[in-house]
Protein backbone atom coordinates (compact mmCIF):
# COMPACT_ATOMS: atom_id res chain seq x y z
CA UNK A 1 91.29 112.47 123.37
CA UNK A 2 91.75 115.97 121.93
CA UNK A 3 88.18 117.22 122.35
CA UNK A 4 87.58 119.21 125.49
CA UNK A 5 84.80 118.72 128.00
CA UNK A 6 84.26 115.05 127.17
CA UNK A 7 85.20 111.96 129.09
CA UNK A 8 88.32 110.30 127.79
CA UNK A 9 87.97 106.91 129.46
CA UNK A 10 87.03 105.08 126.26
CA UNK A 11 90.09 106.31 124.42
CA UNK A 12 92.39 105.60 127.36
CA UNK A 13 90.92 102.10 127.77
CA UNK A 14 91.34 101.36 124.05
CA UNK A 15 94.95 102.49 124.03
CA UNK A 16 95.71 100.49 127.20
CA UNK A 17 94.18 97.30 125.81
CA UNK A 18 96.04 97.69 122.50
CA UNK A 19 99.35 98.26 124.28
CA UNK A 20 98.79 95.20 126.52
CA UNK A 21 97.93 93.03 123.49
CA UNK A 22 101.10 94.23 121.73
CA UNK A 23 103.24 93.22 124.74
CA UNK A 24 101.57 89.79 124.98
CA UNK A 25 102.04 89.16 121.24
CA UNK A 26 105.71 90.16 121.42
CA UNK A 27 106.36 87.80 124.36
CA UNK A 28 104.55 84.94 122.55
CA UNK A 29 106.68 85.44 119.44
CA UNK A 30 109.90 85.45 121.47
CA UNK A 31 108.88 82.27 123.33
CA UNK A 32 108.09 80.52 120.04
CA UNK A 33 111.74 80.87 118.98
CA UNK A 34 113.11 79.07 122.07
CA UNK A 35 114.16 75.60 120.84
CA UNK A 36 112.76 72.44 122.40
CA UNK A 37 115.60 70.30 123.80
CA UNK A 38 113.70 67.06 123.16
CA UNK A 39 113.83 65.47 119.72
CA UNK A 40 110.73 65.39 117.57
CA UNK A 41 108.99 62.03 117.22
CA UNK A 42 110.26 61.68 113.65
CA UNK A 43 113.91 62.16 114.64
CA UNK A 44 114.21 59.20 116.98
CA UNK A 45 113.81 55.46 116.41
CA UNK A 46 110.69 53.59 117.55
CA UNK A 47 112.52 51.75 120.36
CA UNK A 48 113.77 54.95 122.02
CA UNK A 49 111.96 56.20 125.12
CA UNK A 50 109.43 59.01 124.84
CA UNK A 51 111.92 61.68 125.86
CA UNK A 52 115.21 61.77 124.02
CA UNK A 53 117.12 65.01 124.45
CA UNK A 54 118.99 66.70 121.66
CA UNK A 55 122.76 67.05 121.64
CA UNK A 56 124.08 70.31 123.11
CA UNK A 57 121.21 71.13 125.47
CA UNK A 58 121.53 70.90 129.25
CA UNK A 59 119.34 68.14 130.70
CA UNK A 60 118.21 68.32 134.34
CA UNK A 61 117.88 65.06 136.23
CA UNK A 62 117.50 64.86 140.01
CA UNK A 63 120.20 67.17 141.37
CA UNK A 64 122.44 67.34 138.29
CA UNK A 65 122.45 69.04 134.92
CA UNK A 66 124.15 67.10 132.11
CA UNK A 67 125.33 68.54 128.79
CA UNK A 68 126.97 66.75 125.89
CA UNK A 69 129.44 69.31 124.54
CA UNK A 70 131.11 67.35 121.76
CA UNK A 71 131.36 63.83 120.37
CA UNK A 72 134.40 62.23 118.74
CA UNK A 73 134.04 59.25 116.42
CA UNK A 74 137.34 57.69 115.49
CA UNK A 75 138.50 54.80 113.32
CA UNK A 76 134.99 53.37 113.02
CA UNK A 77 135.22 51.72 116.41
CA UNK A 78 135.38 54.32 119.16
CA UNK A 79 132.89 56.90 120.38
CA UNK A 80 134.07 59.50 122.88
CA UNK A 81 131.43 61.98 124.12
CA UNK A 82 132.58 65.04 126.03
CA UNK A 83 130.17 65.90 128.83
CA UNK A 84 129.68 68.43 131.59
CA UNK A 85 127.98 67.54 134.86
CA UNK A 86 126.80 70.36 137.14
CA UNK A 87 125.41 70.00 140.66
CA UNK A 88 122.22 72.10 140.73
CA UNK A 89 121.02 70.71 144.06
CA UNK A 90 121.74 71.62 147.65
CA UNK A 91 123.66 68.46 148.59
CA UNK A 92 126.94 66.94 147.45
CA UNK A 93 126.45 64.51 144.54
CA UNK A 94 128.58 61.58 143.40
CA UNK A 95 129.42 61.13 139.71
CA UNK A 96 131.20 58.44 137.75
CA UNK A 97 131.78 57.45 134.14
CA UNK A 98 129.95 54.23 135.13
CA UNK A 99 126.74 56.30 135.30
CA UNK A 100 126.77 56.43 131.48
CA UNK A 101 126.17 53.82 128.78
CA UNK A 102 125.96 54.09 125.01
CA UNK A 103 123.11 52.44 123.11
CA UNK A 104 122.30 51.86 119.46
CA UNK A 105 120.07 49.62 117.30
CA UNK A 106 116.93 48.73 119.22
CA UNK A 107 118.60 49.77 122.47
CA UNK A 108 119.96 46.23 122.80
CA UNK A 109 123.44 46.88 121.49
CA UNK A 110 125.49 48.66 124.10
CA UNK A 111 128.93 50.12 123.78
CA UNK A 112 131.61 48.78 126.04
CA UNK A 113 133.09 51.51 128.19
CA UNK A 114 136.83 51.21 128.22
CA UNK A 115 139.35 52.21 130.82
CA UNK A 116 142.18 53.66 128.76
CA UNK A 117 145.76 52.84 129.57
CA UNK A 118 146.70 56.50 129.33
CA UNK A 119 145.79 58.79 132.16
CA UNK A 120 144.49 61.54 129.94
CA UNK A 121 143.54 64.78 131.61
CA UNK A 122 140.47 64.91 129.37
CA UNK A 123 138.83 61.71 130.64
CA UNK A 124 136.05 61.87 133.22
CA UNK A 125 136.99 60.28 136.51
CA UNK A 126 134.78 59.48 139.50
CA UNK A 127 134.31 62.06 142.20
CA UNK A 128 131.84 64.31 143.93
CA UNK A 129 130.51 67.79 143.30
CA UNK A 130 129.57 70.37 145.89
CA UNK A 131 126.46 72.49 145.18
CA UNK A 132 127.09 74.79 142.22
CA UNK A 133 130.25 72.96 141.08
CA UNK A 134 130.66 71.38 137.66
CA UNK A 135 133.09 68.99 135.97
CA UNK A 136 133.81 68.29 132.31
CA UNK A 137 135.41 65.24 130.78
CA UNK A 138 135.21 62.56 128.12
CA UNK A 139 134.16 58.91 128.30
CA UNK A 140 135.48 56.38 125.81
CA UNK A 141 133.35 53.58 124.36
CA UNK A 142 134.40 50.84 121.96
CA UNK A 143 131.62 50.65 119.42
CA UNK A 144 131.16 49.82 115.74
CA UNK A 145 130.32 53.20 114.24
CA UNK A 146 127.68 53.18 111.55
CA UNK A 147 125.16 55.81 110.54
CA UNK A 148 122.38 54.80 112.91
CA UNK A 149 121.00 56.32 116.06
CA UNK A 150 123.32 56.63 119.07
CA UNK A 151 122.21 57.70 122.53
CA UNK A 152 124.28 58.42 125.60
CA UNK A 153 122.25 57.13 128.54
CA UNK A 154 122.63 58.50 132.06
CA UNK A 155 121.67 56.05 134.83
CA UNK A 156 119.34 54.15 132.46
CA UNK A 157 116.88 57.07 132.64
CA UNK A 158 118.05 60.02 130.52
CA UNK A 159 118.71 59.52 126.78
CA UNK A 160 120.73 62.13 124.87
CA UNK A 161 121.02 61.80 121.08
CA UNK A 162 124.61 61.81 119.81
CA UNK A 163 123.88 60.32 116.39
CA UNK A 164 126.81 60.14 114.02
CA UNK A 165 126.21 62.15 110.86
């Protein structure tokens, strides 16, 4: 590029291609560090559906986005996941703690959702969300806690791993 009276198109083309390749490689490296919200095949039991989402990642289903924020295991018999439901659609959506079940051991053993006597401000209640709104709350399940796979299931379609460690 320094020599005079010569065409510089080869040098300019080479530099342009190198710069473009550098940008593409950088983007590919950044994308490779974005975690996959679904569990790997080795992390889930054989009976679980193909897609089981990992704890802590937002999961989109129809017009809602569901996140499991925390999970409490207490006294070896109760599981209480804390969830957030966000309306990402354009219409009002209904939500209820009855939309969720808890499964374990071949998917046949289901936790019994309980309606607590206390009216705790932390418990999820039924309601509706306008577009863009979100609600957080906890759901209580009576369940024998052991060290096997647990999944919180939304409307029998979305499985989110909340395995007790």
